[in-house]
Amino acid sequence: MKTTFTKTTIKITGLALSLLSIVACDNTKNRNSNDSKDVAEEHNDAKFNKDKEKEADFFVEITDMTIQEIKLSELAEKQAQADDIKELGKILREDHSKSLKEIEEMARKKMITLPVDISKDGKDNYEDISKKQGQEFDHAYADEMVDLHTLQISKFEKMATDAEDYELRKWTETKLKELRTHLDRSMTCRDKYKEDKKDKTPLSKIKH
């Protein structure tokens, strides 16, 4: 009788632990399933120690920003009103597409998991910008490129100083030159269309 009770208790305990494990996995899946960036970060946290996690986090963050820049620049090529905004979109799309391939190659060698799509915040931002038209879109796109490149530059500067990997350090130093050029062009476009966007009274409505 005692043996039967013990066996039954073990079975119930085992079943309970299995159910808890399933619930925990489901909760993790539900939390991250809609955000590719979160999924990548979770995979890397499980694979690496704290020192390597910092490097992995860098790759995840710049991948997310790079994909955002590519997608928004593709949109700018199609939707922008001004030719110089379309040209900015073309340049950034081409340069960041090349950078993304380089990031993916380095990450593959380091066994780092990368996002396959932009984060939820990035998607929300894309949707917001895509709804704008004309000069409002032109300014919003250029302004977003200023914000993204400013953030990227700060992360690249830190990695160029802190990275122990010589190849990664040299790559970030090289990319900083390109990112700063992108930032300058984006700021010029943003400031230009910020000025153009100011309300002006049409000449036809001016009373003589």
C-alpha atoms as a PDB file:
ATOM      1  CA  MET A   1       0.000   0.000   0.000  1.00  0.00           C
ATOM      2  CA  LYS A   2       2.812   2.380   0.977  1.00  0.00           C
ATOM      3  CA  THR A   3       4.721   1.537  -2.225  1.00  0.00           C
ATOM      4  CA  THR A   4       1.646   2.227  -4.372  1.00  0.00           C
ATOM      5  CA  PHE A   5       1.153   5.601  -2.657  1.00  0.00           C
ATOM      6  CA  THR A   6       4.811   6.545  -3.230  1.00  0.00           C
ATOM      7  CA  LYS A   7       4.651   5.621  -6.917  1.00  0.00           C
ATOM      8  CA  THR A   8       1.425   7.591  -7.358  1.00  0.00           C
ATOM      9  CA  THR A   9       2.964  10.631  -5.642  1.00  0.00           C
ATOM     10  CA  ILE A  10       6.025  10.487  -7.914  1.00  0.00           C
ATOM     11  CA  LYS A  11       3.828  10.284 -11.014  1.00  0.00           C
ATOM     12  CA  ILE A  12       1.703  13.265  -9.918  1.00  0.00           C
ATOM     13  CA  THR A  13       4.805  15.312  -9.055  1.00  0.00           C
ATOM     14  CA  GLY A  14       6.380  14.483 -12.401  1.00  0.00           C
ATOM     15  CA  LEU A  15       3.196  15.445 -14.241  1.00  0.00           C
ATOM     16  CA  ALA A  16       3.013  18.748 -12.345  1.00  0.00           C
ATOM     17  CA  LEU A  17       6.607  19.595 -13.203  1.00  0.00           C
ATOM     18  CA  SER A  18       5.975  18.773 -16.866  1.00  0.00           C
ATOM     19  CA  LEU A  19       2.928  21.045 -16.926  1.00  0.00           C
ATOM     20  CA  LEU A  20       4.884  23.870 -15.289  1.00  0.00           C
ATOM     21  CA  SER A  21       7.615  23.456 -17.893  1.00  0.00           C
ATOM     22  CA  ILE A  22       5.074  23.624 -20.724  1.00  0.00           C
ATOM     23  CA  VAL A  23       3.435  26.740 -19.244  1.00  0.00           C
ATOM     24  CA  ALA A  24       6.826  28.432 -18.816  1.00  0.00           C
ATOM     25  CA  CYS A  25       7.748  27.674 -22.435  1.00  0.00           C
ATOM     26  CA  ASP A  26       4.386  28.936 -23.657  1.00  0.00           C
ATOM     27  CA  ASN A  27       4.747  32.154 -21.663  1.00  0.00           C
ATOM     28  CA  THR A  28       8.203  32.769 -23.137  1.00  0.00           C
ATOM     29  CA  LYS A  29       6.885  32.055 -26.613  1.00  0.00           C
ATOM     30  CA  ASN A  30       3.937  34.407 -26.163  1.00  0.00           C
ATOM     31  CA  ARG A  31       6.164  37.162 -24.800  1.00  0.00           C
ATOM     32  CA  ASN A  32       8.607  37.067 -27.681  1.00  0.00           C
ATOM     33  CA  SER A  33       6.799  35.511 -30.632  1.00  0.00           C
ATOM     34  CA  ASN A  34       5.885  38.874 -32.168  1.00  0.00           C
ATOM     35  CA  ASP A  35       9.270  40.513 -31.707  1.00  0.00           C
ATOM     36  CA  SER A  36      12.216  39.118 -33.651  1.00  0.00           C
ATOM     37  CA  LYS A  37      14.660  41.225 -31.655  1.00  0.00           C
ATOM     38  CA  ASP A  38      13.462  39.749 -28.341  1.00  0.00           C
ATOM     39  CA  VAL A  39      13.749  36.224 -29.719  1.00  0.00           C
ATOM     40  CA  ALA A  40      17.341  36.811 -30.850  1.00  0.00           C
ATOM     41  CA  GLU A  41      18.306  38.321 -27.494  1.00  0.00           C
ATOM     42  CA  GLU A  42      16.828  35.370 -25.621  1.00  0.00           C
ATOM     43  CA  HIS A  43      18.727  32.856 -27.757  1.00  0.00           C
ATOM     44  CA  ASN A  44      21.999  34.705 -27.236  1.00  0.00           C
ATOM     45  CA  ASP A  45      21.452  35.012 -23.481  1.00  0.00           C
ATOM     46  CA  ALA A  46      21.162  31.238 -23.325  1.00  0.00           C
ATOM     47  CA  LYS A  47      24.354  30.682 -25.350  1.00  0.00           C
ATOM     48  CA  PHE A  48      26.867  33.216 -24.049  1.00  0.00           C
ATOM     49  CA  ASN A  49      28.429  34.465 -20.834  1.00  0.00           C
ATOM     50  CA  LYS A  50      28.182  38.129 -19.834  1.00  0.00           C
ATOM     51  CA  ASP A  51      31.234  39.268 -21.803  1.00  0.00           C
ATOM     52  CA  LYS A  52      30.013  37.640 -25.001  1.00  0.00           C
ATOM     53  CA  GLU A  53      26.446  38.817 -24.338  1.00  0.00           C
ATOM     54  CA  LYS A  54      27.578  42.440 -24.734  1.00  0.00           C
ATOM     55  CA  GLU A  55      28.977  41.681 -28.170  1.00  0.00           C
ATOM     56  CA  ALA A  56      25.863  39.720 -29.112  1.00  0.00           C
ATOM     57  CA  ASP A  57      23.616  42.557 -27.905  1.00  0.00           C
ATOM     58  CA  PHE A  58      25.559  44.951 -30.127  1.00  0.00           C
ATOM     59  CA  PHE A  59      24.951  42.767 -33.173  1.00  0.00           C
ATOM     60  CA  VAL A  60      21.253  42.386 -32.375  1.00  0.00           C
ATOM     61  CA  GLU A  61      20.744  46.126 -31.876  1.00  0.00           C
ATOM     62  CA  ILE A  62      22.601  47.250 -35.005  1.00  0.00           C
ATOM     63  CA  THR A  63      20.831  44.578 -37.066  1.00  0.00           C
ATOM     64  CA  ASP A  64      17.448  45.867 -35.914  1.00  0.00           C
ATOM     65  CA  MET A  65      18.405  49.458 -36.756  1.00  0.00           C
ATOM     66  CA  THR A  66      19.950  48.476 -40.091  1.00  0.00           C
ATOM     67  CA  ILE A  67      16.806  46.627 -41.190  1.00  0.00           C
ATOM     68  CA  GLN A  68      14.725  49.638 -40.156  1.00  0.00           C
ATOM     69  CA  GLU A  69      16.944  51.903 -42.254  1.00  0.00           C
ATOM     70  CA  ILE A  70      16.671  49.615 -45.278  1.00  0.00           C
ATOM     71  CA  LYS A  71      12.888  49.292 -45.092  1.00  0.00           C
ATOM     72  CA  LEU A  72      12.305  53.011 -44.526  1.00  0.00           C
ATOM     73  CA  SER A  73      14.731  53.894 -47.310  1.00  0.00           C
ATOM     74  CA  GLU A  74      12.926  51.564 -49.714  1.00  0.00           C
ATOM     75  CA  LEU A  75       9.747  53.392 -48.755  1.00  0.00           C
ATOM     76  CA  ALA A  76      11.405  56.777 -49.307  1.00  0.00           C
ATOM     77  CA  GLU A  77      12.481  55.810 -52.820  1.00  0.00           C
ATOM     78  CA  LYS A  78       8.845  55.141 -53.698  1.00  0.00           C
ATOM     79  CA  GLN A  79       6.957  57.649 -51.584  1.00  0.00           C
ATOM     80  CA  ALA A  80       9.141  60.737 -51.140  1.00  0.00           C
ATOM     81  CA  GLN A  81       8.136  63.921 -52.892  1.00  0.00           C
ATOM     82  CA  ALA A  82      11.570  65.559 -53.163  1.00  0.00           C
ATOM     83  CA  ASP A  83      14.278  64.182 -55.425  1.00  0.00           C
ATOM     84  CA  ASP A  84      17.001  64.623 -52.813  1.00  0.00           C
ATOM     85  CA  ILE A  85      14.986  62.543 -50.327  1.00  0.00           C
ATOM     86  CA  LYS A  86      14.595  59.821 -52.956  1.00  0.00           C
ATOM     87  CA  GLU A  87      18.352  59.995 -53.565  1.00  0.00           C
ATOM     88  CA  LEU A  88      19.051  59.782 -49.821  1.00  0.00           C
ATOM     89  CA  GLY A  89      16.805  56.720 -49.660  1.00  0.00           C
ATOM     90  CA  LYS A  90      18.686  55.083 -52.526  1.00  0.00           C
ATOM     91  CA  ILE A  91      22.097  55.704 -50.965  1.00  0.00           C
ATOM     92  CA  LEU A  92      21.083  54.475 -47.528  1.00  0.00           C
ATOM     93  CA  ARG A  93      19.292  51.406 -48.880  1.00  0.00           C
ATOM     94  CA  GLU A  94      22.346  50.354 -50.882  1.00  0.00           C
ATOM     95  CA  ASP A  95      24.914  51.068 -48.158  1.00  0.00           C
ATOM     96  CA  HIS A  96      22.927  49.469 -45.343  1.00  0.00           C
ATOM     97  CA  SER A  97      22.045  46.408 -47.436  1.00  0.00           C
ATOM     98  CA  LYS A  98      25.771  45.866 -47.897  1.00  0.00           C
ATOM     99  CA  SER A  99      26.361  46.426 -44.163  1.00  0.00           C
ATOM    100  CA  LEU A 100      23.645  43.918 -43.275  1.00  0.00           C
ATOM    101  CA  LYS A 101      25.402  41.203 -45.279  1.00  0.00           C
ATOM    102  CA  GLU A 102      28.657  41.985 -43.466  1.00  0.00           C
ATOM    103  CA  ILE A 103      26.889  41.863 -40.091  1.00  0.00           C
ATOM    104  CA  GLU A 104      25.294  38.517 -40.933  1.00  0.00           C
ATOM    105  CA  GLU A 105      28.648  37.058 -41.998  1.00  0.00           C
ATOM    106  CA  MET A 106      30.403  38.125 -38.778  1.00  0.00           C
ATOM    107  CA  ALA A 107      27.498  36.949 -36.637  1.00  0.00           C
ATOM    108  CA  ARG A 108      27.543  33.548 -38.363  1.00  0.00           C
ATOM    109  CA  LYS A 109      31.211  33.081 -37.479  1.00  0.00           C
ATOM    110  CA  LYS A 110      30.516  34.039 -33.867  1.00  0.00           C
ATOM    111  CA  MET A 111      27.370  31.861 -33.632  1.00  0.00           C
ATOM    112  CA  ILE A 112      25.301  34.953 -32.751  1.00  0.00           C
ATOM    113  CA  THR A 113      21.554  34.826 -33.411  1.00  0.00           C
ATOM    114  CA  LEU A 114      20.229  37.903 -35.250  1.00  0.00           C
ATOM    115  CA  PRO A 115      16.716  39.301 -35.703  1.00  0.00           C
ATOM    116  CA  VAL A 116      15.121  38.335 -39.004  1.00  0.00           C
ATOM    117  CA  ASP A 117      12.791  41.335 -38.993  1.00  0.00           C
ATOM    118  CA  ILE A 118      12.485  44.713 -37.289  1.00  0.00           C
ATOM    119  CA  SER A 119      11.265  44.935 -33.709  1.00  0.00           C
ATOM    120  CA  LYS A 120       7.672  45.741 -32.782  1.00  0.00           C
ATOM    121  CA  ASP A 121       8.646  49.330 -32.002  1.00  0.00           C
ATOM    122  CA  GLY A 122      10.334  49.577 -35.383  1.00  0.00           C
ATOM    123  CA  LYS A 123       7.231  48.251 -37.127  1.00  0.00           C
ATOM    124  CA  ASP A 124       5.014  50.739 -35.322  1.00  0.00           C
ATOM    125  CA  ASN A 125       7.337  53.557 -36.336  1.00  0.00           C
ATOM    126  CA  TYR A 126       7.379  52.377 -39.940  1.00  0.00           C
ATOM    127  CA  GLU A 127       3.588  52.322 -40.045  1.00  0.00           C
ATOM    128  CA  ASP A 128       3.414  55.834 -38.630  1.00  0.00           C
ATOM    129  CA  ILE A 129       5.863  57.265 -41.183  1.00  0.00           C
ATOM    130  CA  SER A 130       4.294  55.380 -44.098  1.00  0.00           C
ATOM    131  CA  LYS A 131       0.964  57.164 -43.497  1.00  0.00           C
ATOM    132  CA  LYS A 132       2.510  60.579 -44.125  1.00  0.00           C
ATOM    133  CA  GLN A 133       2.569  62.234 -47.548  1.00  0.00           C
ATOM    134  CA  GLY A 134       4.463  64.976 -49.376  1.00  0.00           C
ATOM    135  CA  GLN A 135       6.804  67.221 -47.412  1.00  0.00           C
ATOM    136  CA  GLU A 136       5.520  65.791 -44.141  1.00  0.00           C
ATOM    137  CA  PHE A 137       6.788  62.362 -45.194  1.00  0.00           C
ATOM    138  CA  ASP A 138      10.081  63.793 -46.455  1.00  0.00           C
ATOM    139  CA  HIS A 139      10.761  65.492 -43.130  1.00  0.00           C
ATOM    140  CA  ALA A 140       9.643  62.488 -41.044  1.00  0.00           C
ATOM    141  CA  TYR A 141      11.891  60.094 -43.003  1.00  0.00           C
ATOM    142  CA  ALA A 142      14.947  62.346 -42.799  1.00  0.00           C
ATOM    143  CA  ASP A 143      14.308  63.001 -39.103  1.00  0.00           C
ATOM    144  CA  GLU A 144      14.118  59.271 -38.402  1.00  0.00           C
ATOM    145  CA  MET A 145      17.383  58.710 -40.290  1.00  0.00           C
ATOM    146  CA  VAL A 146      19.028  61.341 -38.083  1.00  0.00           C
ATOM    147  CA  ASP A 147      17.773  59.578 -34.931  1.00  0.00           C
ATOM    148  CA  LEU A 148      18.774  56.085 -36.074  1.00  0.00           C
ATOM    149  CA  HIS A 149      22.226  57.127 -37.275  1.00  0.00           C
ATOM    150  CA  THR A 150      22.909  59.135 -34.125  1.00  0.00           C
ATOM    151  CA  LEU A 151      22.102  56.071 -32.017  1.00  0.00           C
ATOM    152  CA  GLN A 152      24.109  53.756 -34.264  1.00  0.00           C
ATOM    153  CA  ILE A 153      27.158  56.003 -34.146  1.00  0.00           C
ATOM    154  CA  SER A 154      27.148  55.989 -30.344  1.00  0.00           C
ATOM    155  CA  LYS A 155      27.029  52.174 -30.291  1.00  0.00           C
ATOM    156  CA  PHE A 156      29.733  51.839 -32.966  1.00  0.00           C
ATOM    157  CA  GLU A 157      32.006  54.293 -31.149  1.00  0.00           C
ATOM    158  CA  LYS A 158      31.737  52.251 -27.954  1.00  0.00           C
ATOM    159  CA  MET A 159      32.397  48.965 -29.747  1.00  0.00           C
ATOM    160  CA  ALA A 160      35.339  50.466 -31.663  1.00  0.00           C
ATOM    161  CA  THR A 161      36.905  51.199 -28.281  1.00  0.00           C
ATOM    162  CA  ASP A 162      35.796  48.194 -26.215  1.00  0.00           C
ATOM    163  CA  ALA A 163      35.885  45.288 -28.694  1.00  0.00           C
ATOM    164  CA  GLU A 164      38.541  42.667 -27.965  1.00  0.00           C
ATOM    165  CA  ASP A 165      38.089  41.171 -31.428  1.00  0.00           C
ATOM    166  CA  TYR A 166      40.501  42.999 -33.764  1.00  0.00           C
ATOM    167  CA  GLU A 167      38.401  42.308 -36.879  1.00  0.00           C
ATOM    168  CA  LEU A 168      35.260  43.678 -35.228  1.00  0.00           C
ATOM    169  CA  ARG A 169      37.096  46.735 -33.928  1.00  0.00           C
ATOM    170  CA  LYS A 170      38.498  47.599 -37.373  1.00  0.00           C
ATOM    171  CA  TRP A 171      35.119  47.017 -39.022  1.00  0.00           C
ATOM    172  CA  THR A 172      33.341  49.373 -36.627  1.00  0.00           C
ATOM    173  CA  GLU A 173      36.013  52.028 -37.189  1.00  0.00           C
ATOM    174  CA  THR A 174      35.510  51.775 -40.960  1.00  0.00           C
ATOM    175  CA  LYS A 175      31.723  51.876 -40.684  1.00  0.00           C
ATOM    176  CA  LEU A 176      31.819  54.948 -38.455  1.00  0.00           C
ATOM    177  CA  LYS A 177      33.064  57.041 -41.382  1.00  0.00           C
ATOM    178  CA  GLU A 178      30.138  55.903 -43.518  1.00  0.00           C
ATOM    179  CA  LEU A 179      27.584  56.406 -40.733  1.00  0.00           C
ATOM    180  CA  ARG A 180      28.803  59.951 -40.086  1.00  0.00           C
ATOM    181  CA  THR A 181      28.459  60.761 -43.778  1.00  0.00           C
ATOM    182  CA  HIS A 182      24.915  59.367 -43.709  1.00  0.00           C
ATOM    183  CA  LEU A 183      24.134  61.452 -40.638  1.00  0.00           C
ATOM    184  CA  ASP A 184      25.376  64.649 -42.285  1.00  0.00           C
ATOM    185  CA  ARG A 185      23.235  64.058 -45.381  1.00  0.00           C
ATOM    186  CA  SER A 186      20.194  63.156 -43.289  1.00  0.00           C
ATOM    187  CA  MET A 187      20.547  66.286 -41.143  1.00  0.00           C
ATOM    188  CA  THR A 188      20.817  68.480 -44.240  1.00  0.00           C
ATOM    189  CA  CYS A 189      17.609  66.994 -45.665  1.00  0.00           C
ATOM    190  CA  ARG A 190      15.773  67.141 -42.350  1.00  0.00           C
ATOM    191  CA  ASP A 191      16.641  70.797 -41.784  1.00  0.00           C
ATOM    192  CA  LYS A 192      15.762  71.705 -45.351  1.00  0.00           C
ATOM    193  CA  TYR A 193      12.276  70.238 -45.210  1.00  0.00           C
ATOM    194  CA  LYS A 194      11.680  71.432 -41.689  1.00  0.00           C
ATOM    195  CA  GLU A 195      12.079  74.968 -43.031  1.00  0.00           C
ATOM    196  CA  ASP A 196       9.997  74.279 -46.124  1.00  0.00           C
ATOM    197  CA  LYS A 197       7.270  72.797 -43.942  1.00  0.00           C
ATOM    198  CA  LYS A 198       6.596  76.075 -42.102  1.00  0.00           C
ATOM    199  CA  ASP A 199       3.175  77.527 -42.774  1.00  0.00           C
ATOM    200  CA  LYS A 200       3.198  80.222 -45.363  1.00  0.00           C
ATOM    201  CA  THR A 201       0.301  82.429 -46.446  1.00  0.00           C
ATOM    202  CA  PRO A 202      -0.434  81.884 -50.150  1.00  0.00           C
ATOM    203  CA  LEU A 203       0.124  84.997 -52.266  1.00  0.00           C
ATOM    204  CA  SER A 204      -3.453  84.768 -53.563  1.00  0.00           C
ATOM    205  CA  LYS A 205      -4.765  85.315 -50.037  1.00  0.00           C
ATOM    206  CA  ILE A 206      -2.666  88.357 -49.246  1.00  0.00           C
ATOM    207  CA  LYS A 207      -4.888  91.468 -49.141  1.00  0.00           C
ATOM    208  CA  HIS A 208      -3.585  94.445 -51.089  1.00  0.00           C
END
